[in-house]
Amino acid sequence: MKKEMKISVVIPTYRRPELLMECIHALARQHFDRGDFEVLVVSDGPDAATKKVVSSWKATGLLQLKYLCLQHKGGPAAARNKGWKNAAGKIIAFTDDDCRPDPEWLNRIWQHHRQDEDLVAYTGKVVVPMPEPGEITDHAYNTAHLSEAEFITANCACTKRALELTGGFDERFTMAWREDSDLEFNFLRHGIPIRYLPVARVVHPVRKSSWGSSLWDQRKGIFNALLFRKYPSLYKTRIKQAPPLKYYIMAGSLVAFMICLLLGNLPAAALLLGCWIVTWLYFTGQRLLNTSRQPSHMLEMLYTSAFIPLLSIYWHFYGSIKYRAFFL
């Protein structure tokens, strides 16, 4: 008789073979019977390098490893759905390719699972090692907030039955943003308990980011609107994220400055430009308060702080219109 699989680990990934290699290496060090868990790596689109990494690990025989691939890029939510739907485990554990599960991770999850519970979810502890104080970038500072998240796919698990009941991840979340909160709220709506397991730990190192990447990150604001549309009450009480007042002051000052300049009202234009500069420098100073003062980083903060408010407001209203969810 075939032995029942206890846990399936699902890892979405795309074109990050070096990070994936380290994640799989951490799973190979689990203090958990290798016959009791499997690892499903799901590539978010065709990726030869990722397939090669999985094949090389499969050849070692150290893990029960499967490689799955989406035909077209659909985002981590779609990749995770493909993973759990092809999983054999009673419990589905999720982590990301840039994470390092603690050797006791799976063991702690299984120890705290009551075998008579078919509908339950778990959220573990995410540890973000930080650089030396003088080397903390804005990106690292924001990444550190992951350790405070109440439910995050870098470290969560649930019964497969819970995913079948709720439908799993909403694939309209095509970026790595809010798809985990959406799953959490879906569990809550169905009355599925979510238990916090601080002993189930995953390390989430701060990975390198490209210069000015915070500008691209503003696009994630689209999915705040989608989450608000689906769960307005939970969003208001647990997320509460929208462009802050200073963003509107900066954007409004800049637009009014241009209008006054076109109308030839130079005194008013000068006053409005001064207002924008003061707010811009204040915003930059806030971002530098607990982060690096290296010249390159300071220049990046000055540059990105000038554009973040406009981009944040733009994507916020873009999402609000797209999903018909208007909120401030």
Protein backbone atom coordinates (compact mmCIF):
# COMPACT_ATOMS: atom_id res chain seq x y z
CA MET A 1 0.00 0.00 0.00
CA LYS A 2 1.35 3.39 -0.99
CA LYS A 3 2.41 5.60 1.91
CA GLU A 4 0.33 8.74 2.37
CA MET A 5 2.18 11.95 1.60
CA LYS A 6 2.06 14.24 4.62
CA ILE A 7 3.25 17.59 3.21
CA SER A 8 3.70 19.09 -0.25
CA VAL A 9 5.88 22.20 -0.51
CA VAL A 10 4.98 24.54 -3.38
CA ILE A 11 7.54 27.06 -4.67
CA PRO A 12 6.63 29.51 -7.46
CA THR A 13 9.64 30.83 -9.34
CA TYR A 14 10.73 32.49 -12.56
CA ARG A 15 14.22 33.01 -13.92
CA ARG A 16 15.94 33.05 -10.52
CA PRO A 17 17.85 29.74 -10.58
CA GLU A 18 20.51 30.79 -8.07
CA LEU A 19 17.93 31.75 -5.46
CA LEU A 20 15.91 28.62 -6.16
CA MET A 21 19.00 26.46 -5.70
CA GLU A 22 19.51 27.82 -2.18
CA CYS A 23 15.85 27.32 -1.30
CA ILE A 24 15.89 23.70 -2.43
CA HIS A 25 19.14 23.17 -0.55
CA ALA A 26 17.40 24.37 2.63
CA LEU A 27 14.53 21.94 2.03
CA ALA A 28 17.00 19.10 1.58
CA ARG A 29 18.21 19.80 5.13
CA GLN A 30 14.76 19.39 6.69
CA HIS A 31 14.53 17.29 9.85
CA PHE A 32 11.55 15.49 8.38
CA ASP A 33 11.32 12.06 6.77
CA ARG A 34 12.07 12.56 3.09
CA GLY A 35 9.44 10.02 2.22
CA ASP A 36 6.78 12.14 3.92
CA PHE A 37 7.11 15.30 1.84
CA GLU A 38 7.53 16.40 -1.73
CA VAL A 39 8.63 19.66 -3.33
CA LEU A 40 6.82 21.10 -6.34
CA VAL A 41 8.67 23.84 -8.20
CA VAL A 42 6.35 25.77 -10.50
CA SER A 43 7.93 28.00 -13.11
CA ASP A 44 5.85 31.03 -14.06
CA GLY A 45 6.41 30.41 -17.75
CA PRO A 46 9.00 28.43 -19.74
CA ASP A 47 12.42 28.71 -18.11
CA ALA A 48 15.23 26.36 -19.13
CA ALA A 49 17.53 27.42 -16.28
CA THR A 50 14.91 26.63 -13.64
CA LYS A 51 14.19 23.24 -15.22
CA LYS A 52 17.91 22.47 -15.19
CA VAL A 53 18.18 23.28 -11.46
CA VAL A 54 15.28 20.97 -10.64
CA SER A 55 16.66 18.20 -12.83
CA SER A 56 20.07 18.42 -11.15
CA TRP A 57 18.47 18.11 -7.72
CA LYS A 58 16.23 15.24 -8.80
CA ALA A 59 19.32 13.37 -9.92
CA THR A 60 20.72 13.45 -6.38
CA GLY A 61 17.74 11.50 -5.05
CA LEU A 62 17.74 13.63 -1.90
CA LEU A 63 14.23 14.97 -2.42
CA GLN A 64 10.95 13.99 -4.01
CA LEU A 65 10.97 16.82 -6.50
CA LYS A 66 8.55 17.78 -9.27
CA TYR A 67 8.90 20.45 -11.94
CA LEU A 68 5.77 22.13 -13.30
CA CYS A 69 5.53 25.01 -15.73
CA LEU A 70 2.84 27.49 -16.76
CA GLN A 71 2.50 27.80 -20.51
CA HIS A 72 2.23 31.58 -20.23
CA LYS A 73 3.35 33.92 -17.48
CA GLY A 74 0.49 34.35 -15.03
CA GLY A 75 2.10 35.44 -11.77
CA PRO A 76 2.84 33.65 -8.48
CA ALA A 77 -0.84 33.13 -7.64
CA ALA A 78 -1.38 31.11 -10.83
CA ALA A 79 1.87 29.21 -10.24
CA ARG A 80 0.87 28.27 -6.69
CA ASN A 81 -2.53 27.07 -7.88
CA LYS A 82 -0.90 24.77 -10.42
CA GLY A 83 1.38 23.50 -7.65
CA TRP A 84 -1.20 22.61 -5.01
CA LYS A 85 -3.60 21.12 -7.56
CA ASN A 86 -0.86 18.66 -8.55
CA ALA A 87 0.24 17.97 -4.97
CA ALA A 88 -0.19 14.68 -3.13
CA GLY A 89 0.21 15.95 0.44
CA LYS A 90 -2.53 16.38 3.00
CA ILE A 91 -0.94 19.70 3.96
CA ILE A 92 0.28 22.22 1.40
CA ALA A 93 3.16 24.41 2.59
CA PHE A 94 4.09 27.54 0.65
CA THR A 95 7.39 29.36 0.50
CA ASP A 96 9.22 31.46 -2.09
CA ASP A 97 12.37 30.89 -4.10
CA ASP A 98 14.20 33.66 -2.22
CA CYS A 99 13.49 32.09 1.19
CA ARG A 100 15.41 29.62 3.36
CA PRO A 101 13.15 27.38 5.50
CA ASP A 102 14.58 26.47 8.88
CA PRO A 103 15.56 22.76 9.19
CA GLU A 104 12.63 22.26 11.62
CA TRP A 105 10.10 24.06 9.43
CA LEU A 106 8.11 21.10 8.15
CA ASN A 107 8.49 19.17 11.38
CA ARG A 108 6.96 22.03 13.40
CA ILE A 109 4.03 22.36 11.00
CA TRP A 110 3.28 18.65 11.16
CA GLN A 111 3.67 18.46 14.95
CA HIS A 112 1.06 21.18 15.44
CA HIS A 113 -1.42 19.73 12.97
CA ARG A 114 -4.35 17.82 14.48
CA GLN A 115 -5.07 14.88 12.24
CA ASP A 116 -8.83 15.26 12.62
CA GLU A 117 -8.77 18.79 11.15
CA ASP A 118 -9.48 18.94 7.44
CA LEU A 119 -9.96 22.71 7.32
CA VAL A 120 -7.15 24.69 8.94
CA ALA A 121 -4.35 27.05 7.93
CA TYR A 122 -1.06 28.02 9.54
CA THR A 123 1.14 31.07 9.32
CA GLY A 124 4.73 30.92 10.52
CA LYS A 125 7.48 33.31 11.51
CA VAL A 126 9.42 35.14 8.79
CA VAL A 127 12.91 36.25 9.80
CA VAL A 128 14.55 39.02 7.77
CA PRO A 129 18.29 39.37 8.55
CA MET A 130 19.24 43.01 8.25
CA PRO A 131 22.55 44.54 7.12
CA GLU A 132 24.62 46.76 9.38
CA PRO A 133 22.76 50.00 10.29
CA GLY A 134 24.82 52.12 7.91
CA GLU A 135 24.17 49.72 5.03
CA ILE A 136 20.36 49.42 5.31
CA THR A 137 18.79 50.54 2.04
CA ASP A 138 15.21 51.66 1.54
CA HIS A 139 14.56 48.32 -0.13
CA ALA A 140 15.96 46.43 2.87
CA TYR A 141 13.93 48.57 5.28
CA ASN A 142 10.73 47.77 3.40
CA THR A 143 11.61 44.07 3.16
CA ALA A 144 12.00 43.98 6.95
CA HIS A 145 8.26 44.64 7.26
CA LEU A 146 7.65 41.10 6.02
CA SER A 147 8.55 39.90 9.50
CA GLU A 148 5.46 41.74 10.80
CA ALA A 149 3.00 40.35 8.24
CA GLU A 150 0.21 38.30 9.79
CA PHE A 151 -0.19 35.95 6.80
CA ILE A 152 2.41 35.70 4.06
CA THR A 153 3.08 33.09 1.39
CA ALA A 154 6.79 33.09 2.21
CA ASN A 155 5.76 30.94 5.17
CA CYS A 156 2.26 29.54 5.39
CA ALA A 157 0.54 26.19 5.13
CA CYS A 158 -2.96 24.77 5.02
CA THR A 159 -4.78 21.56 4.35
CA LYS A 160 -5.39 20.76 0.72
CA ARG A 161 -9.07 20.51 1.57
CA ALA A 162 -9.05 24.19 2.64
CA LEU A 163 -7.69 25.16 -0.77
CA GLU A 164 -10.24 23.00 -2.55
CA LEU A 165 -13.07 24.60 -0.58
CA THR A 166 -11.95 28.20 -1.19
CA GLY A 167 -10.59 27.75 -4.70
CA GLY A 168 -7.06 28.71 -3.70
CA PHE A 169 -5.45 31.86 -5.04
CA ASP A 170 -7.23 34.46 -7.14
CA GLU A 171 -5.22 34.52 -10.37
CA ARG A 172 -6.23 38.11 -11.09
CA PHE A 173 -3.41 39.03 -8.71
CA THR A 174 -0.73 38.76 -11.38
CA MET A 175 2.07 40.25 -9.29
CA ALA A 176 3.50 39.23 -5.92
CA TRP A 177 1.23 41.59 -4.02
CA ARG A 178 -1.94 41.05 -1.95
CA GLU A 179 -2.52 37.52 -3.26
CA ASP A 180 -1.57 36.22 0.18
CA SER A 181 -3.96 38.59 1.98
CA ASP A 182 -6.66 37.57 -0.48
CA LEU A 183 -6.17 33.91 0.45
CA GLU A 184 -6.16 34.82 4.16
CA PHE A 185 -9.43 36.76 3.84
CA ASN A 186 -10.94 33.92 1.83
CA PHE A 187 -10.11 31.50 4.65
CA LEU A 188 -11.68 33.86 7.18
CA ARG A 189 -14.81 34.24 5.07
CA HIS A 190 -15.21 30.45 5.02
CA GLY A 191 -14.62 30.18 8.76
CA ILE A 192 -11.31 28.34 8.36
CA PRO A 193 -9.11 28.93 11.43
CA ILE A 194 -5.63 30.39 10.88
CA ARG A 195 -3.11 29.45 13.57
CA TYR A 196 0.13 31.30 14.16
CA LEU A 197 3.15 29.02 14.55
CA PRO A 198 6.16 31.12 15.60
CA VAL A 199 8.25 27.95 15.87
CA ALA A 200 7.83 27.31 12.12
CA ARG A 201 10.49 29.69 10.83
CA VAL A 202 11.58 30.76 7.38
CA VAL A 203 14.48 33.12 6.72
CA HIS A 204 13.86 35.74 4.05
CA PRO A 205 17.18 37.38 3.13
CA VAL A 206 17.15 40.86 1.64
CA ARG A 207 17.92 40.30 -2.01
CA LYS A 208 19.61 42.86 -4.22
CA SER A 209 17.36 45.32 -5.99
CA SER A 210 17.97 47.40 -9.07
CA TRP A 211 18.53 51.14 -8.71
CA GLY A 212 15.18 52.93 -8.62
CA SER A 213 13.15 49.72 -8.26
CA SER A 214 10.74 51.45 -5.87
CA LEU A 215 9.24 53.24 -8.89
CA TRP A 216 8.27 49.92 -10.46
CA ASP A 217 6.86 48.76 -7.12
CA GLN A 218 4.16 51.44 -7.26
CA ARG A 219 2.34 49.40 -9.89
CA LYS A 220 1.39 46.95 -7.15
CA GLY A 221 -1.15 49.54 -5.96
CA ILE A 222 -3.54 48.20 -8.62
CA PHE A 223 -4.11 45.12 -6.49
CA ASN A 224 -4.97 47.10 -3.37
CA ALA A 225 -8.12 48.08 -5.24
CA LEU A 226 -8.91 44.48 -6.19
CA LEU A 227 -8.51 43.32 -2.59
CA PHE A 228 -10.64 46.23 -1.35
CA ARG A 229 -13.35 45.39 -3.91
CA LYS A 230 -13.51 41.80 -2.64
CA TYR A 231 -13.18 42.43 1.11
CA PRO A 232 -13.84 46.12 1.95
CA SER A 233 -14.32 45.61 5.71
CA LEU A 234 -11.25 43.42 6.17
CA TYR A 235 -9.18 45.75 4.00
CA LYS A 236 -10.16 48.76 6.10
CA THR A 237 -9.35 47.03 9.39
CA ARG A 238 -6.25 45.04 8.43
CA ILE A 239 -4.58 46.70 5.44
CA LYS A 240 -5.60 50.38 5.40
CA GLN A 241 -3.17 51.20 2.59
CA ALA A 242 -3.74 54.07 0.16
CA PRO A 243 -1.61 56.98 -1.07
CA PRO A 244 -0.90 59.21 1.98
CA LEU A 245 -1.81 62.88 2.21
CA LYS A 246 1.73 64.06 1.42
CA TYR A 247 1.51 62.31 -1.95
CA TYR A 248 -1.58 64.33 -2.85
CA ILE A 249 0.07 67.54 -1.62
CA MET A 250 3.13 66.89 -3.80
CA ALA A 251 1.11 65.89 -6.87
CA GLY A 252 -1.36 68.74 -6.42
CA SER A 253 1.42 71.31 -5.97
CA LEU A 254 3.19 70.10 -9.11
CA VAL A 255 0.06 70.15 -11.27
CA ALA A 256 -0.98 73.57 -9.95
CA PHE A 257 2.56 74.88 -10.54
CA MET A 258 2.41 73.85 -14.20
CA ILE A 259 -1.02 75.43 -14.64
CA CYS A 260 0.11 78.73 -13.10
CA LEU A 261 3.25 78.66 -15.20
CA LEU A 262 1.21 78.22 -18.39
CA LEU A 263 -1.11 81.06 -17.30
CA GLY A 264 1.85 83.32 -16.64
CA ASN A 265 1.16 83.69 -12.91
CA LEU A 266 4.81 83.50 -11.86
CA PRO A 267 4.40 84.43 -8.15
CA ALA A 268 1.85 81.69 -7.63
CA ALA A 269 3.97 79.26 -9.66
CA ALA A 270 7.02 80.03 -7.52
CA LEU A 271 5.03 79.49 -4.31
CA LEU A 272 3.67 76.17 -5.52
CA LEU A 273 7.08 75.00 -6.70
CA GLY A 274 8.48 75.88 -3.29
CA CYS A 275 5.71 73.85 -1.66
CA TRP A 276 6.57 70.87 -3.86
CA ILE A 277 10.30 71.14 -3.10
CA VAL A 278 9.72 71.34 0.66
CA THR A 279 7.40 68.30 0.60
CA TRP A 280 9.79 66.40 -1.70
CA LEU A 281 12.73 66.99 0.63
CA TYR A 282 10.62 66.07 3.66
CA PHE A 283 9.56 62.81 2.01
CA THR A 284 13.16 62.03 1.04
CA GLY A 285 14.30 62.77 4.58
CA GLN A 286 11.71 60.37 5.98
CA ARG A 287 13.03 57.58 3.77
CA LEU A 288 16.62 58.32 4.76
CA LEU A 289 15.89 58.53 8.48
CA ASN A 290 16.64 54.86 9.18
CA THR A 291 18.56 53.96 6.04
CA SER A 292 21.97 54.35 4.42
CA ARG A 293 23.53 57.75 3.78
CA GLN A 294 25.79 56.46 1.03
CA PRO A 295 25.86 58.97 -1.88
CA SER A 296 24.38 56.51 -4.40
CA HIS A 297 21.53 55.61 -2.04
CA MET A 298 20.82 59.26 -1.17
CA LEU A 299 20.71 60.12 -4.87
CA GLU A 300 18.31 57.22 -5.46
CA MET A 301 16.04 58.46 -2.66
CA LEU A 302 16.02 62.00 -4.04
CA TYR A 303 15.23 60.77 -7.53
CA THR A 304 12.55 58.22 -6.65
CA SER A 305 10.90 60.47 -4.04
CA ALA A 306 10.16 62.95 -6.80
CA PHE A 307 8.15 60.40 -8.81
CA ILE A 308 6.71 57.95 -6.27
CA PRO A 309 3.74 60.17 -5.29
CA LEU A 310 2.62 60.64 -8.91
CA LEU A 311 3.04 56.95 -9.74
CA SER A 312 1.37 55.81 -6.52
CA ILE A 313 -1.69 57.99 -7.13
CA TYR A 314 -1.84 57.00 -10.80
CA TRP A 315 -1.80 53.25 -10.12
CA HIS A 316 -4.19 53.65 -7.19
CA PHE A 317 -6.82 55.30 -9.37
CA TYR A 318 -6.05 53.00 -12.29
CA GLY A 319 -6.85 50.04 -10.06
CA SER A 320 -9.89 51.80 -8.61
CA ILE A 321 -11.32 52.34 -12.09
CA LYS A 322 -10.37 48.87 -13.34
CA TYR A 323 -11.99 47.09 -10.39
CA ARG A 324 -14.66 49.72 -9.65
CA ALA A 325 -13.45 50.12 -6.08
CA PHE A 326 -13.08 53.74 -5.03
CA PHE A 327 -11.39 54.39 -1.69
CA LEU A 328 -8.94 56.86 -0.17
